[in-house]
PDB file of N, CA and C in Angstrom:
ATOM      1  N   MET A   1     -51.728 -17.512  52.467  1.00  0.00           N
ATOM      2  CA  MET A   1     -51.123 -16.981  51.268  1.00  0.00           C
ATOM      3  C   MET A   1     -49.604 -16.990  51.417  1.00  0.00           C
ATOM      4  N   ASN A   2     -48.938 -17.537  50.415  1.00  0.00           N
ATOM      5  CA  ASN A   2     -47.482 -17.583  50.402  1.00  0.00           C
ATOM      6  C   ASN A   2     -46.941 -16.760  49.243  1.00  0.00           C
ATOM      7  N   ILE A   3     -45.758 -16.218  49.435  1.00  0.00           N
ATOM      8  CA  ILE A   3     -45.053 -15.504  48.381  1.00  0.00           C
ATOM      9  C   ILE A   3     -43.787 -16.292  48.070  1.00  0.00           C
ATOM     10  N   ILE A   4     -43.618 -16.649  46.800  1.00  0.00           N
ATOM     11  CA  ILE A   4     -42.457 -17.412  46.364  1.00  0.00           C
ATOM     12  C   ILE A   4     -41.700 -16.575  45.341  1.00  0.00           C
ATOM     13  N   ILE A   5     -40.432 -16.354  45.587  1.00  0.00           N
ATOM     14  CA  ILE A   5     -39.574 -15.584  44.684  1.00  0.00           C
ATOM     15  C   ILE A   5     -38.553 -16.554  44.101  1.00  0.00           C
ATOM     16  N   THR A   6     -38.578 -16.740  42.784  1.00  0.00           N
ATOM     17  CA  THR A   6     -37.619 -17.653  42.164  1.00  0.00           C
ATOM     18  C   THR A   6     -36.226 -17.017  42.165  1.00  0.00           C
ATOM     19  N   PRO A   7     -35.184 -17.833  42.033  1.00  0.00           N
ATOM     20  CA  PRO A   7     -33.828 -17.266  41.961  1.00  0.00           C
ATOM     21  C   PRO A   7     -33.666 -16.260  40.814  1.00  0.00           C
ATOM     22  N   LYS A   8     -34.274 -16.518  39.663  1.00  0.00           N
ATOM     23  CA  LYS A   8     -34.193 -15.571  38.540  1.00  0.00           C
ATOM     24  C   LYS A   8     -34.864 -14.249  38.898  1.00  0.00           C
ATOM     25  N   ALA A   9     -36.002 -14.325  39.588  1.00  0.00           N
ATOM     26  CA  ALA A   9     -36.697 -13.103  39.998  1.00  0.00           C
ATOM     27  C   ALA A   9     -35.861 -12.330  41.014  1.00  0.00           C
ATOM     28  N   LEU A  10     -35.250 -13.027  41.949  1.00  0.00           N
ATOM     29  CA  LEU A  10     -34.406 -12.359  42.942  1.00  0.00           C
ATOM     30  C   LEU A  10     -33.269 -11.623  42.248  1.00  0.00           C
ATOM     31  N   ASP A  11     -32.620 -12.268  41.287  1.00  0.00           N
ATOM     32  CA  ASP A  11     -31.541 -11.616  40.540  1.00  0.00           C
ATOM     33  C   ASP A  11     -32.059 -10.391  39.790  1.00  0.00           C
ATOM     34  N   TRP A  12     -33.263 -10.504  39.188  1.00  0.00           N
ATOM     35  CA  TRP A  12     -33.848  -9.373  38.462  1.00  0.00           C
ATOM     36  C   TRP A  12     -34.066  -8.192  39.402  1.00  0.00           C
ATOM     37  N   PHE A  13     -34.664  -8.442  40.567  1.00  0.00           N
ATOM     38  CA  PHE A  13     -34.933  -7.369  41.522  1.00  0.00           C
ATOM     39  C   PHE A  13     -33.638  -6.704  41.986  1.00  0.00           C
ATOM     40  N   LYS A  14     -32.622  -7.503  42.272  1.00  0.00           N
ATOM     41  CA  LYS A  14     -31.346  -6.944  42.719  1.00  0.00           C
ATOM     42  C   LYS A  14     -30.743  -6.039  41.649  1.00  0.00           C
ATOM     43  N   LYS A  15     -30.782  -6.494  40.408  1.00  0.00           N
ATOM     44  CA  LYS A  15     -30.154  -5.738  39.317  1.00  0.00           C
ATOM     45  C   LYS A  15     -31.004  -4.532  38.898  1.00  0.00           C
ATOM     46  N   GLU A  16     -32.270  -4.764  38.588  1.00  0.00           N
ATOM     47  CA  GLU A  16     -33.114  -3.716  38.015  1.00  0.00           C
ATOM     48  C   GLU A  16     -33.595  -2.683  39.028  1.00  0.00           C
ATOM     49  N   MET A  17     -33.742  -3.095  40.284  1.00  0.00           N
ATOM     50  CA  MET A  17     -34.236  -2.158  41.302  1.00  0.00           C
ATOM     51  C   MET A  17     -33.150  -1.811  42.319  1.00  0.00           C
ATOM     52  N   ASP A  18     -31.924  -2.270  42.022  1.00  0.00           N
ATOM     53  CA  ASP A  18     -30.762  -1.967  42.863  1.00  0.00           C
ATOM     54  C   ASP A  18     -31.009  -2.302  44.335  1.00  0.00           C
ATOM     55  N   LEU A  19     -31.547  -3.500  44.580  1.00  0.00           N
ATOM     56  CA  LEU A  19     -31.879  -3.905  45.948  1.00  0.00           C
ATOM     57  C   LEU A  19     -30.696  -4.538  46.651  1.00  0.00           C
ATOM     58  N   GLN A  20     -30.671  -4.327  47.960  1.00  0.00           N
ATOM     59  CA  GLN A  20     -29.651  -4.908  48.824  1.00  0.00           C
ATOM     60  C   GLN A  20     -30.340  -5.469  50.061  1.00  0.00           C
ATOM     61  N   ALA A  21     -29.611  -6.254  50.832  1.00  0.00           N
ATOM     62  CA  ALA A  21     -30.153  -6.777  52.087  1.00  0.00           C
ATOM     63  C   ALA A  21     -30.682  -5.617  52.921  1.00  0.00           C
ATOM     64  N   GLY A  22     -31.878  -5.797  53.474  1.00  0.00           N
ATOM     65  CA  GLY A  22     -32.532  -4.759  54.273  1.00  0.00           C
ATOM     66  C   GLY A  22     -33.611  -4.012  53.506  1.00  0.00           C
ATOM     67  N   ASP A  23     -33.608  -4.118  52.172  1.00  0.00           N
ATOM     68  CA  ASP A  23     -34.647  -3.480  51.358  1.00  0.00           C
ATOM     69  C   ASP A  23     -35.908  -4.333  51.346  1.00  0.00           C
ATOM     70  N   ALA A  24     -37.012  -3.738  50.883  1.00  0.00           N
ATOM     71  CA  ALA A  24     -38.287  -4.453  50.832  1.00  0.00           C
ATOM     72  C   ALA A  24     -39.067  -4.037  49.588  1.00  0.00           C
ATOM     73  N   ILE A  25     -39.817  -4.999  49.051  1.00  0.00           N
ATOM     74  CA  ILE A  25     -40.684  -4.768  47.893  1.00  0.00           C
ATOM     75  C   ILE A  25     -42.109  -5.131  48.279  1.00  0.00           C
ATOM     76  N   ARG A  26     -43.018  -4.196  48.033  1.00  0.00           N
ATOM     77  CA  ARG A  26     -44.446  -4.418  48.294  1.00  0.00           C
ATOM     78  C   ARG A  26     -45.155  -4.768  46.985  1.00  0.00           C
ATOM     79  N   PHE A  27     -45.985  -5.794  47.009  1.00  0.00           N
ATOM     80  CA  PHE A  27     -46.864  -6.134  45.900  1.00  0.00           C
ATOM     81  C   PHE A  27     -48.260  -5.656  46.281  1.00  0.00           C
ATOM     82  N   PHE A  28     -48.933  -4.953  45.358  1.00  0.00           N
ATOM     83  CA  PHE A  28     -50.224  -4.354  45.695  1.00  0.00           C
ATOM     84  C   PHE A  28     -51.163  -4.361  44.495  1.00  0.00           C
ATOM     85  N   ALA A  29     -52.444  -4.225  44.780  1.00  0.00           N
ATOM     86  CA  ALA A  29     -53.468  -4.148  43.735  1.00  0.00           C
ATOM     87  C   ALA A  29     -53.490  -2.743  43.167  1.00  0.00           C
ATOM     88  N   ARG A  30     -53.561  -2.665  41.841  1.00  0.00           N
ATOM     89  CA  ARG A  30     -53.698  -1.354  41.209  1.00  0.00           C
ATOM     90  C   ARG A  30     -54.823  -1.428  40.182  1.00  0.00           C
ATOM     91  N   TYR A  31     -55.491  -0.329  40.013  1.00  0.00           N
ATOM     92  CA  TYR A  31     -56.631  -0.258  39.104  1.00  0.00           C
ATOM     93  C   TYR A  31     -56.143  -0.305  37.663  1.00  0.00           C
ATOM     94  N   GLY A  32     -56.817  -1.121  36.855  1.00  0.00           N
ATOM     95  CA  GLY A  32     -56.478  -1.238  35.438  1.00  0.00           C
ATOM     96  C   GLY A  32     -55.583  -2.431  35.170  1.00  0.00           C
ATOM     97  N   GLY A  33     -55.484  -2.783  33.917  1.00  0.00           N
ATOM     98  CA  GLY A  33     -54.639  -3.905  33.529  1.00  0.00           C
ATOM     99  C   GLY A  33     -55.392  -5.214  33.535  1.00  0.00           C
ATOM    100  N   CYS A  34     -54.645  -6.283  33.484  1.00  0.00           N
ATOM    101  CA  CYS A  34     -55.225  -7.624  33.399  1.00  0.00           C
ATOM    102  C   CYS A  34     -54.797  -8.455  34.596  1.00  0.00           C
ATOM    103  N   SER A  35     -55.685  -9.288  35.043  1.00  0.00           N
ATOM    104  CA  SER A  35     -55.409 -10.197  36.145  1.00  0.00           C
ATOM    105  C   SER A  35     -56.199 -11.480  35.929  1.00  0.00           C
ATOM    106  N   THR A  36     -55.642 -12.571  36.390  1.00  0.00           N
ATOM    107  CA  THR A  36     -56.358 -13.844  36.290  1.00  0.00           C
ATOM    108  C   THR A  36     -57.338 -14.036  37.439  1.00  0.00           C
ATOM    109  N   ILE A  37     -57.268 -13.164  38.457  1.00  0.00           N
ATOM    110  CA  ILE A  37     -58.159 -13.359  39.604  1.00  0.00           C
ATOM    111  C   ILE A  37     -59.076 -12.183  39.920  1.00  0.00           C
ATOM    112  N   GLN A  38     -58.721 -10.960  39.522  1.00  0.00           N
ATOM    113  CA  GLN A  38     -59.558  -9.789  39.817  1.00  0.00           C
ATOM    114  C   GLN A  38     -59.699  -8.937  38.554  1.00  0.00           C
ATOM    115  N   LYS A  39     -60.843  -8.989  37.943  1.00  0.00           N
ATOM    116  CA  LYS A  39     -61.091  -8.253  36.698  1.00  0.00           C
ATOM    117  C   LYS A  39     -60.949  -6.746  36.920  1.00  0.00           C
ATOM    118  N   GLY A  40     -60.234  -6.089  36.002  1.00  0.00           N
ATOM    119  CA  GLY A  40     -60.071  -4.648  36.065  1.00  0.00           C
ATOM    120  C   GLY A  40     -58.929  -4.177  36.946  1.00  0.00           C
ATOM    121  N   PHE A  41     -58.172  -5.105  37.516  1.00  0.00           N
ATOM    122  CA  PHE A  41     -57.042  -4.758  38.382  1.00  0.00           C
ATOM    123  C   PHE A  41     -55.811  -5.539  37.931  1.00  0.00           C
ATOM    124  N   SER A  42     -54.655  -5.062  38.320  1.00  0.00           N
ATOM    125  CA  SER A  42     -53.413  -5.775  38.049  1.00  0.00           C
ATOM    126  C   SER A  42     -52.496  -5.609  39.256  1.00  0.00           C
ATOM    127  N   LEU A  43     -51.376  -6.286  39.204  1.00  0.00           N
ATOM    128  CA  LEU A  43     -50.459  -6.282  40.328  1.00  0.00           C
ATOM    129  C   LEU A  43     -49.379  -5.231  40.116  1.00  0.00           C
ATOM    130  N   GLY A  44     -49.172  -4.403  41.129  1.00  0.00           N
ATOM    131  CA  GLY A  44     -48.105  -3.415  41.108  1.00  0.00           C
ATOM    132  C   GLY A  44     -47.048  -3.778  42.128  1.00  0.00           C
ATOM    133  N   MET A  45     -45.919  -3.095  42.056  1.00  0.00           N
ATOM    134  CA  MET A  45     -44.859  -3.324  43.036  1.00  0.00           C
ATOM    135  C   MET A  45     -44.136  -2.011  43.289  1.00  0.00           C
ATOM    136  N   ALA A  46     -43.646  -1.865  44.515  1.00  0.00           N
ATOM    137  CA  ALA A  46     -42.937  -0.647  44.891  1.00  0.00           C
ATOM    138  C   ALA A  46     -41.931  -0.975  45.987  1.00  0.00           C
ATOM    139  N   LYS A  47     -40.862  -0.220  46.002  1.00  0.00           N
ATOM    140  CA  LYS A  47     -39.852  -0.368  47.040  1.00  0.00           C
ATOM    141  C   LYS A  47     -40.305   0.458  48.245  1.00  0.00           C
ATOM    142  N   GLU A  48     -40.727  -0.224  49.299  1.00  0.00           N
ATOM    143  CA  GLU A  48     -41.156   0.451  50.533  1.00  0.00           C
ATOM    144  C   GLU A  48     -41.142  -0.547  51.677  1.00  0.00           C
ATOM    145  N   ASP A  49     -41.205  -0.035  52.880  1.00  0.00           N
ATOM    146  CA  ASP A  49     -41.154  -0.886  54.066  1.00  0.00           C
ATOM    147  C   ASP A  49     -42.544  -1.364  54.465  1.00  0.00           C
ATOM    148  N   PRO A  50     -42.628  -2.578  55.026  1.00  0.00           N
ATOM    149  CA  PRO A  50     -43.931  -3.095  55.460  1.00  0.00           C
ATOM    150  C   PRO A  50     -44.465  -2.342  56.675  1.00  0.00           C
ATOM    151  N   ILE A  51     -45.819  -2.227  56.706  1.00  0.00           N
ATOM    152  CA  ILE A  51     -46.500  -1.620  57.847  1.00  0.00           C
ATOM    153  C   ILE A  51     -47.375  -2.677  58.525  1.00  0.00           C
ATOM    154  N   GLU A  52     -48.309  -3.258  57.768  1.00  0.00           N
ATOM    155  CA  GLU A  52     -49.171  -4.327  58.274  1.00  0.00           C
ATOM    156  C   GLU A  52     -49.196  -5.486  57.273  1.00  0.00           C
ATOM    157  N   PRO A  53     -48.075  -6.196  57.148  1.00  0.00           N
ATOM    158  CA  PRO A  53     -48.031  -7.263  56.147  1.00  0.00           C
ATOM    159  C   PRO A  53     -48.927  -8.435  56.519  1.00  0.00           C
ATOM    160  N   VAL A  54     -49.637  -8.939  55.519  1.00  0.00           N
ATOM    161  CA  VAL A  54     -50.468 -10.120  55.707  1.00  0.00           C
ATOM    162  C   VAL A  54     -49.713 -11.356  55.212  1.00  0.00           C
ATOM    163  N   ALA A  55     -48.740 -11.140  54.331  1.00  0.00           N
ATOM    164  CA  ALA A  55     -47.881 -12.205  53.830  1.00  0.00           C
ATOM    165  C   ALA A  55     -46.528 -11.597  53.519  1.00  0.00           C
ATOM    166  N   GLN A  56     -45.476 -12.350  53.805  1.00  0.00           N
ATOM    167  CA  GLN A  56     -44.147 -11.867  53.474  1.00  0.00           C
ATOM    168  C   GLN A  56     -43.159 -13.012  53.452  1.00  0.00           C
ATOM    169  N   THR A  57     -42.097 -12.799  52.700  1.00  0.00           N
ATOM    170  CA  THR A  57     -40.988 -13.738  52.673  1.00  0.00           C
ATOM    171  C   THR A  57     -39.716 -12.920  52.542  1.00  0.00           C
ATOM    172  N   THR A  58     -38.652 -13.415  53.106  1.00  0.00           N
ATOM    173  CA  THR A  58     -37.360 -12.751  52.997  1.00  0.00           C
ATOM    174  C   THR A  58     -36.395 -13.697  52.311  1.00  0.00           C
ATOM    175  N   VAL A  59     -35.793 -13.210  51.228  1.00  0.00           N
ATOM    176  CA  VAL A  59     -34.851 -13.996  50.454  1.00  0.00           C
ATOM    177  C   VAL A  59     -33.568 -13.195  50.318  1.00  0.00           C
ATOM    178  N   ASP A  60     -32.472 -13.768  50.765  1.00  0.00           N
ATOM    179  CA  ASP A  60     -31.168 -13.111  50.682  1.00  0.00           C
ATOM    180  C   ASP A  60     -31.197 -11.720  51.314  1.00  0.00           C
ATOM    181  N   GLY A  61     -31.959 -11.583  52.403  1.00  0.00           N
ATOM    182  CA  GLY A  61     -32.029 -10.327  53.142  1.00  0.00           C
ATOM    183  C   GLY A  61     -33.015  -9.310  52.598  1.00  0.00           C
ATOM    184  N   ILE A  62     -33.696  -9.637  51.495  1.00  0.00           N
ATOM    185  CA  ILE A  62     -34.679  -8.733  50.897  1.00  0.00           C
ATOM    186  C   ILE A  62     -36.079  -9.241  51.213  1.00  0.00           C
ATOM    187  N   THR A  63     -36.934  -8.375  51.725  1.00  0.00           N
ATOM    188  CA  THR A  63     -38.295  -8.759  52.106  1.00  0.00           C
ATOM    189  C   THR A  63     -39.266  -8.424  50.983  1.00  0.00           C
ATOM    190  N   PHE A  64     -40.108  -9.390  50.649  1.00  0.00           N
ATOM    191  CA  PHE A  64     -41.177  -9.225  49.667  1.00  0.00           C
ATOM    192  C   PHE A  64     -42.481  -9.421  50.427  1.00  0.00           C
ATOM    193  N   PHE A  65     -43.447  -8.512  50.253  1.00  0.00           N
ATOM    194  CA  PHE A  65     -44.629  -8.573  51.110  1.00  0.00           C
ATOM    195  C   PHE A  65     -45.879  -8.036  50.440  1.00  0.00           C
ATOM    196  N   VAL A  66     -47.013  -8.361  51.067  1.00  0.00           N
ATOM    197  CA  VAL A  66     -48.332  -7.847  50.702  1.00  0.00           C
ATOM    198  C   VAL A  66     -48.933  -7.271  51.975  1.00  0.00           C
ATOM    199  N   GLU A  67     -49.444  -6.049  51.881  1.00  0.00           N
ATOM    200  CA  GLU A  67     -50.088  -5.419  53.034  1.00  0.00           C
ATOM    201  C   GLU A  67     -51.510  -5.961  53.220  1.00  0.00           C
ATOM    202  N   ASP A  68     -51.990  -5.872  54.429  1.00  0.00           N
ATOM    203  CA  ASP A  68     -53.336  -6.340  54.760  1.00  0.00           C
ATOM    204  C   ASP A  68     -54.402  -5.687  53.880  1.00  0.00           C
ATOM    205  N   GLN A  69     -54.234  -4.414  53.542  1.00  0.00           N
ATOM    206  CA  GLN A  69     -55.237  -3.706  52.735  1.00  0.00           C
ATOM    207  C   GLN A  69     -55.356  -4.278  51.322  1.00  0.00           C
ATOM    208  N   ASP A  70     -54.385  -5.064  50.879  1.00  0.00           N
ATOM    209  CA  ASP A  70     -54.437  -5.669  49.544  1.00  0.00           C
ATOM    210  C   ASP A  70     -54.759  -7.162  49.581  1.00  0.00           C
ATOM    211  N   ARG A  71     -55.112  -7.666  50.730  1.00  0.00           N
ATOM    212  CA  ARG A  71     -55.445  -9.085  50.891  1.00  0.00           C
ATOM    213  C   ARG A  71     -56.558  -9.514  49.939  1.00  0.00           C
ATOM    214  N   TRP A  72     -57.565  -8.656  49.743  1.00  0.00           N
ATOM    215  CA  TRP A  72     -58.717  -8.986  48.907  1.00  0.00           C
ATOM    216  C   TRP A  72     -58.302  -9.367  47.488  1.00  0.00           C
ATOM    217  N   TYR A  73     -57.266  -8.708  46.964  1.00  0.00           N
ATOM    218  CA  TYR A  73     -56.848  -8.943  45.584  1.00  0.00           C
ATOM    219  C   TYR A  73     -56.393 -10.391  45.374  1.00  0.00           C
ATOM    220  N   PHE A  74     -55.695 -10.928  46.342  1.00  0.00           N
ATOM    221  CA  PHE A  74     -55.123 -12.272  46.220  1.00  0.00           C
ATOM    222  C   PHE A  74     -56.120 -13.373  46.543  1.00  0.00           C
ATOM    223  N   ASP A  75     -57.187 -13.040  47.266  1.00  0.00           N
ATOM    224  CA  ASP A  75     -58.259 -13.991  47.539  1.00  0.00           C
ATOM    225  C   ASP A  75     -57.713 -15.325  48.059  1.00  0.00           C
ATOM    226  N   ASP A  76     -56.754 -15.263  48.979  1.00  0.00           N
ATOM    227  CA  ASP A  76     -56.116 -16.432  49.599  1.00  0.00           C
ATOM    228  C   ASP A  76     -55.327 -17.307  48.626  1.00  0.00           C
ATOM    229  N   HIS A  77     -54.945 -16.764  47.476  1.00  0.00           N
ATOM    230  CA  HIS A  77     -54.089 -17.478  46.536  1.00  0.00           C
ATOM    231  C   HIS A  77     -52.618 -17.201  46.866  1.00  0.00           C
ATOM    232  N   ASN A  78     -51.746 -18.074  46.392  1.00  0.00           N
ATOM    233  CA  ASN A  78     -50.306 -17.882  46.539  1.00  0.00           C
ATOM    234  C   ASN A  78     -49.776 -17.074  45.365  1.00  0.00           C
ATOM    235  N   LEU A  79     -48.711 -16.330  45.603  1.00  0.00           N
ATOM    236  CA  LEU A  79     -48.062 -15.537  44.569  1.00  0.00           C
ATOM    237  C   LEU A  79     -46.666 -16.074  44.330  1.00  0.00           C
ATOM    238  N   THR A  80     -46.383 -16.447  43.079  1.00  0.00           N
ATOM    239  CA  THR A  80     -45.035 -16.814  42.665  1.00  0.00           C
ATOM    240  C   THR A  80     -44.549 -15.743  41.711  1.00  0.00           C
ATOM    241  N   VAL A  81     -43.347 -15.238  41.954  1.00  0.00           N
ATOM    242  CA  VAL A  81     -42.753 -14.238  41.075  1.00  0.00           C
ATOM    243  C   VAL A  81     -41.565 -14.880  40.371  1.00  0.00           C
ATOM    244  N   ASP A  82     -41.596 -14.842  39.038  1.00  0.00           N
ATOM    245  CA  ASP A  82     -40.538 -15.396  38.210  1.00  0.00           C
ATOM    246  C   ASP A  82     -40.159 -14.324  37.186  1.00  0.00           C
ATOM    247  N   VAL A  83     -39.365 -14.666  36.192  1.00  0.00           N
ATOM    248  CA  VAL A  83     -38.983 -13.724  35.141  1.00  0.00           C
ATOM    249  C   VAL A  83     -39.355 -14.310  33.792  1.00  0.00           C
ATOM    250  N   ASN A  84     -40.000 -13.487  32.966  1.00  0.00           N
ATOM    251  CA  ASN A  84     -40.289 -13.868  31.590  1.00  0.00           C
ATOM    252  C   ASN A  84     -38.992 -13.662  30.816  1.00  0.00           C
ATOM    253  N   GLU A  85     -38.411 -14.743  30.331  1.00  0.00           N
ATOM    254  CA  GLU A  85     -37.100 -14.657  29.688  1.00  0.00           C
ATOM    255  C   GLU A  85     -37.141 -13.916  28.352  1.00  0.00           C
ATOM    256  N   LYS A  86     -38.278 -13.899  27.673  1.00  0.00           N
ATOM    257  CA  LYS A  86     -38.383 -13.188  26.396  1.00  0.00           C
ATOM    258  C   LYS A  86     -38.379 -11.681  26.588  1.00  0.00           C
ATOM    259  N   THR A  87     -39.063 -11.201  27.636  1.00  0.00           N
ATOM    260  CA  THR A  87     -39.177  -9.759  27.863  1.00  0.00           C
ATOM    261  C   THR A  87     -38.239  -9.258  28.965  1.00  0.00           C
ATOM    262  N   ASN A  88     -37.642 -10.182  29.715  1.00  0.00           N
ATOM    263  CA  ASN A  88     -36.800  -9.846  30.864  1.00  0.00           C
ATOM    264  C   ASN A  88     -37.538  -8.949  31.850  1.00  0.00           C
ATOM    265  N   GLU A  89     -38.796  -9.329  32.137  1.00  0.00           N
ATOM    266  CA  GLU A  89     -39.624  -8.604  33.097  1.00  0.00           C
ATOM    267  C   GLU A  89     -40.217  -9.591  34.095  1.00  0.00           C
ATOM    268  N   PRO A  90     -40.593  -9.097  35.277  1.00  0.00           N
ATOM    269  CA  PRO A  90     -41.221  -9.997  36.244  1.00  0.00           C
ATOM    270  C   PRO A  90     -42.511 -10.600  35.705  1.00  0.00           C
ATOM    271  N   MET A  91     -42.751 -11.817  36.098  1.00  0.00           N
ATOM    272  CA  MET A  91     -43.965 -12.542  35.724  1.00  0.00           C
ATOM    273  C   MET A  91     -44.627 -13.000  37.017  1.00  0.00           C
ATOM    274  N   PHE A  92     -45.892 -12.662  37.191  1.00  0.00           N
ATOM    275  CA  PHE A  92     -46.620 -12.972  38.421  1.00  0.00           C
ATOM    276  C   PHE A  92     -47.578 -14.130  38.173  1.00  0.00           C
ATOM    277  N   ILE A  93     -47.428 -15.165  38.961  1.00  0.00           N
ATOM    278  CA  ILE A  93     -48.287 -16.336  38.860  1.00  0.00           C
ATOM    279  C   ILE A  93     -49.075 -16.432  40.161  1.00  0.00           C
ATOM    280  N   ILE A  94     -50.393 -16.303  40.046  1.00  0.00           N
ATOM    281  CA  ILE A  94     -51.252 -16.343  41.229  1.00  0.00           C
ATOM    282  C   ILE A  94     -52.094 -17.614  41.146  1.00  0.00           C
ATOM    283  N   GLN A  95     -51.889 -18.511  42.120  1.00  0.00           N
ATOM    284  CA  GLN A  95     -52.584 -19.804  42.112  1.00  0.00           C
ATOM    285  C   GLN A  95     -53.191 -20.085  43.472  1.00  0.00           C
TER     286      GLN A  95
END
Protein backbone atom coordinates (compact mmCIF):
# COMPACT_ATOMS: atom_id res chain seq x y z
CA MET A 1 0.00 0.00 0.00
CA ASN A 2 1.32 3.41 -1.01
CA ILE A 3 0.23 6.88 0.03
CA ILE A 4 0.52 9.61 -2.60
CA ILE A 5 0.02 13.26 -1.67
CA THR A 6 -0.36 15.63 -4.62
CA PRO A 7 1.24 19.09 -4.47
CA LYS A 8 -2.24 20.68 -4.24
CA ALA A 9 -3.12 18.41 -1.31
CA LEU A 10 0.15 19.23 0.45
CA ASP A 11 -0.59 22.96 0.10
CA TRP A 12 -4.13 22.39 1.42
CA PHE A 13 -2.86 20.52 4.50
CA LYS A 14 -0.25 23.18 5.24
CA LYS A 15 -2.78 26.01 4.98
CA GLU A 16 -5.96 24.48 6.43
CA MET A 17 -4.38 22.38 9.18
CA ASP A 18 -1.45 24.73 9.85
CA LEU A 19 1.10 21.95 9.31
CA GLN A 20 4.85 22.36 9.44
CA ALA A 21 7.82 20.05 9.01
CA GLY A 22 7.74 17.46 11.80
CA ASP A 23 3.93 17.22 11.91
CA ALA A 24 2.00 14.09 10.93
CA ILE A 25 -1.46 13.26 9.57
CA ARG A 26 -3.12 9.90 10.17
CA PHE A 27 -5.70 8.50 7.74
CA PHE A 28 -8.12 6.08 9.41
CA ALA A 29 -11.38 4.19 8.94
CA ARG A 30 -14.43 5.74 10.53
CA TYR A 31 -17.94 4.39 10.81
CA GLY A 32 -20.49 5.95 8.47
CA GLY A 33 -20.25 7.81 5.21
CA CYS A 34 -19.44 6.53 1.76
CA SER A 35 -16.49 4.57 0.47
CA THR A 36 -15.67 2.88 -2.79
CA ILE A 37 -14.06 -0.06 -0.99
CA GLN A 38 -15.74 -0.58 2.42
CA LYS A 39 -19.51 -0.16 2.66
CA GLY A 40 -20.68 1.80 5.70
CA PHE A 41 -17.27 3.36 6.40
CA SER A 42 -15.40 6.43 5.22
CA LEU A 43 -11.93 7.85 5.55
CA GLY A 44 -11.05 10.17 8.41
CA MET A 45 -7.91 12.14 9.14
CA ALA A 46 -6.33 13.57 12.26
CA LYS A 47 -3.15 15.34 13.26
CA GLU A 48 -1.26 12.82 15.42
CA ASP A 49 2.02 10.94 15.57
CA PRO A 50 2.46 7.42 14.18
CA ILE A 51 2.62 4.46 16.55
CA GLU A 52 2.51 1.35 14.31
CA PRO A 53 2.32 2.64 10.74
CA VAL A 54 1.67 0.10 8.02
CA ALA A 55 2.13 2.72 5.29
CA GLN A 56 3.60 6.18 5.34
CA THR A 57 5.14 8.86 3.20
CA THR A 58 6.89 12.08 4.11
CA VAL A 59 6.50 15.12 1.89
CA ASP A 60 8.24 18.40 2.67
CA GLY A 61 8.88 17.17 6.22
CA ILE A 62 5.24 16.23 6.90
CA THR A 63 4.42 12.55 7.47
CA PHE A 64 1.17 11.05 6.18
CA PHE A 65 0.39 7.56 7.46
CA VAL A 66 -2.02 4.69 8.09
CA GLU A 67 -1.81 2.67 11.29
CA ASP A 68 -1.74 -1.12 11.23
CA GLN A 69 -5.17 -1.28 12.92
CA ASP A 70 -6.70 0.41 9.84
CA ARG A 71 -5.02 -1.82 7.26
CA TRP A 72 -8.28 -3.75 6.68
CA TYR A 73 -10.03 -0.63 5.36
CA PHE A 74 -7.58 -0.16 2.49
CA ASP A 75 -7.53 -3.85 1.53
CA ASP A 76 -4.01 -3.45 0.02
CA HIS A 77 -5.12 -0.56 -2.21
CA ASN A 78 -3.10 2.63 -2.70
CA LEU A 79 -4.33 5.97 -1.39
CA THR A 80 -3.93 9.17 -3.41
CA VAL A 81 -4.90 12.43 -1.74
CA ASP A 82 -5.73 15.37 -3.99
CA VAL A 83 -7.96 18.47 -3.71
CA ASN A 84 -11.42 18.90 -5.18
CA GLU A 85 -11.10 22.33 -6.76
CA LYS A 86 -14.86 23.03 -6.65
CA THR A 87 -15.19 22.44 -2.90
CA ASN A 88 -11.56 23.13 -1.88
CA GLU A 89 -11.58 19.96 0.23
CA PRO A 90 -9.40 16.86 0.23
CA MET A 91 -10.36 14.15 -2.23
CA PHE A 92 -9.38 10.55 -1.48
CA ILE A 93 -8.77 8.16 -4.35
CA ILE A 94 -8.34 4.53 -3.33
CA GLN A 95 -7.18 2.22 -6.13
